[in-house]
N, C-alpha and C. Protein backbone atom coordinates (compact mmCIF):
# COMPACT_ATOMS: atom_id res chain seq x y z
N MET A 1 84.96 114.82 97.20
CA MET A 1 86.19 114.03 97.13
C MET A 1 86.43 113.56 95.70
N ASP A 2 87.59 113.81 95.19
CA ASP A 2 87.92 113.44 93.81
C ASP A 2 88.48 112.04 93.74
N GLY A 3 88.27 111.40 92.62
CA GLY A 3 88.86 110.08 92.38
C GLY A 3 88.10 108.96 93.06
N ILE A 4 88.78 107.83 93.22
CA ILE A 4 88.17 106.63 93.77
C ILE A 4 88.12 106.70 95.29
N ASP A 5 87.05 106.18 95.85
CA ASP A 5 86.92 106.12 97.31
C ASP A 5 87.97 105.15 97.84
N LEU A 6 88.64 105.54 98.91
CA LEU A 6 89.73 104.72 99.46
C LEU A 6 89.24 103.34 99.89
N ARG A 7 88.02 103.26 100.41
CA ARG A 7 87.50 101.96 100.85
C ARG A 7 87.35 101.00 99.68
N ILE A 8 86.93 101.52 98.54
CA ILE A 8 86.79 100.67 97.35
C ILE A 8 88.17 100.18 96.91
N ALA A 9 89.15 101.07 96.94
CA ALA A 9 90.51 100.69 96.56
C ALA A 9 91.07 99.62 97.50
N ILE A 10 90.77 99.73 98.80
CA ILE A 10 91.26 98.75 99.77
C ILE A 10 90.65 97.39 99.52
N VAL A 11 89.38 97.36 99.14
CA VAL A 11 88.70 96.09 98.88
C VAL A 11 89.18 95.49 97.55
N LEU A 12 89.34 96.31 96.53
CA LEU A 12 89.65 95.80 95.20
C LEU A 12 91.13 95.49 95.00
N ALA A 13 92.01 96.10 95.76
CA ALA A 13 93.45 95.89 95.57
C ALA A 13 93.86 94.42 95.75
N PRO A 14 93.45 93.73 96.83
CA PRO A 14 93.84 92.32 96.95
C PRO A 14 93.22 91.44 95.87
N LEU A 15 91.98 91.77 95.46
CA LEU A 15 91.34 90.99 94.40
C LEU A 15 92.09 91.17 93.08
N ALA A 16 92.49 92.39 92.78
CA ALA A 16 93.25 92.66 91.56
C ALA A 16 94.61 91.98 91.60
N LEU A 17 95.24 92.00 92.76
CA LEU A 17 96.53 91.35 92.92
C LEU A 17 96.40 89.84 92.70
N ALA A 18 95.38 89.23 93.28
CA ALA A 18 95.18 87.79 93.12
C ALA A 18 94.87 87.44 91.67
N ALA A 19 94.05 88.24 91.02
CA ALA A 19 93.72 87.98 89.62
C ALA A 19 94.96 88.12 88.74
N GLY A 20 95.77 89.12 88.99
CA GLY A 20 97.00 89.30 88.22
C GLY A 20 97.97 88.15 88.42
N TRP A 21 98.09 87.68 89.65
CA TRP A 21 98.98 86.56 89.95
C TRP A 21 98.50 85.29 89.25
N ALA A 22 97.18 85.04 89.28
CA ALA A 22 96.61 83.87 88.62
C ALA A 22 96.84 83.94 87.11
N LEU A 23 96.60 85.09 86.52
CA LEU A 23 96.83 85.25 85.08
C LEU A 23 98.30 85.08 84.72
N PHE A 24 99.18 85.58 85.58
CA PHE A 24 100.61 85.43 85.35
C PHE A 24 101.01 83.96 85.33
N ASN A 25 100.51 83.19 86.32
CA ASN A 25 100.86 81.77 86.41
C ASN A 25 100.23 80.97 85.27
N ILE A 26 98.98 81.24 84.95
CA ILE A 26 98.31 80.53 83.86
C ILE A 26 98.95 80.90 82.53
N GLY A 27 99.30 82.17 82.38
CA GLY A 27 99.94 82.61 81.14
C GLY A 27 101.28 81.94 80.92
N ALA A 28 102.06 81.76 81.98
CA ALA A 28 103.35 81.09 81.85
C ALA A 28 103.16 79.63 81.46
N ALA A 29 102.21 78.95 82.07
CA ALA A 29 101.94 77.55 81.75
C ALA A 29 101.43 77.42 80.31
N ALA A 30 100.57 78.34 79.90
CA ALA A 30 100.04 78.31 78.54
C ALA A 30 101.15 78.55 77.52
N LEU A 31 102.03 79.47 77.82
CA LEU A 31 103.14 79.75 76.91
C LEU A 31 104.04 78.52 76.77
N ASN A 32 104.34 77.85 77.88
CA ASN A 32 105.14 76.63 77.83
C ASN A 32 104.45 75.55 77.01
N GLN A 33 103.13 75.44 77.15
CA GLN A 33 102.40 74.43 76.40
C GLN A 33 102.44 74.74 74.90
N VAL A 34 102.27 76.00 74.53
CA VAL A 34 102.32 76.38 73.12
C VAL A 34 103.72 76.13 72.55
N GLN A 35 104.75 76.47 73.32
CA GLN A 35 106.10 76.24 72.83
C GLN A 35 106.37 74.74 72.66
N GLY A 36 105.89 73.93 73.57
CA GLY A 36 106.05 72.49 73.44
C GLY A 36 105.32 71.95 72.23
N PHE A 37 104.13 72.48 71.97
CA PHE A 37 103.35 72.06 70.81
C PHE A 37 104.08 72.44 69.52
N LEU A 38 104.66 73.62 69.48
CA LEU A 38 105.35 74.06 68.27
C LEU A 38 106.64 73.27 68.05
N LYS A 39 107.31 72.87 69.13
CA LYS A 39 108.53 72.07 68.98
C LYS A 39 108.23 70.65 68.51
N ALA A 40 107.07 70.12 68.88
CA ALA A 40 106.71 68.74 68.54
C ALA A 40 106.42 68.59 67.05
N LYS A 41 106.02 69.67 66.41
CA LYS A 41 105.69 69.57 64.98
C LYS A 41 106.91 69.56 64.11
């Protein structure tokens, strides 16, 4: 069988989705904080 085992993909897909969502939300908050810091100076 070529490529990734389907069972591994099924297990890792929700974890990757959750990690991406967390990074997206943290990244947006961090960007807002940096922009606020730059405006304050």
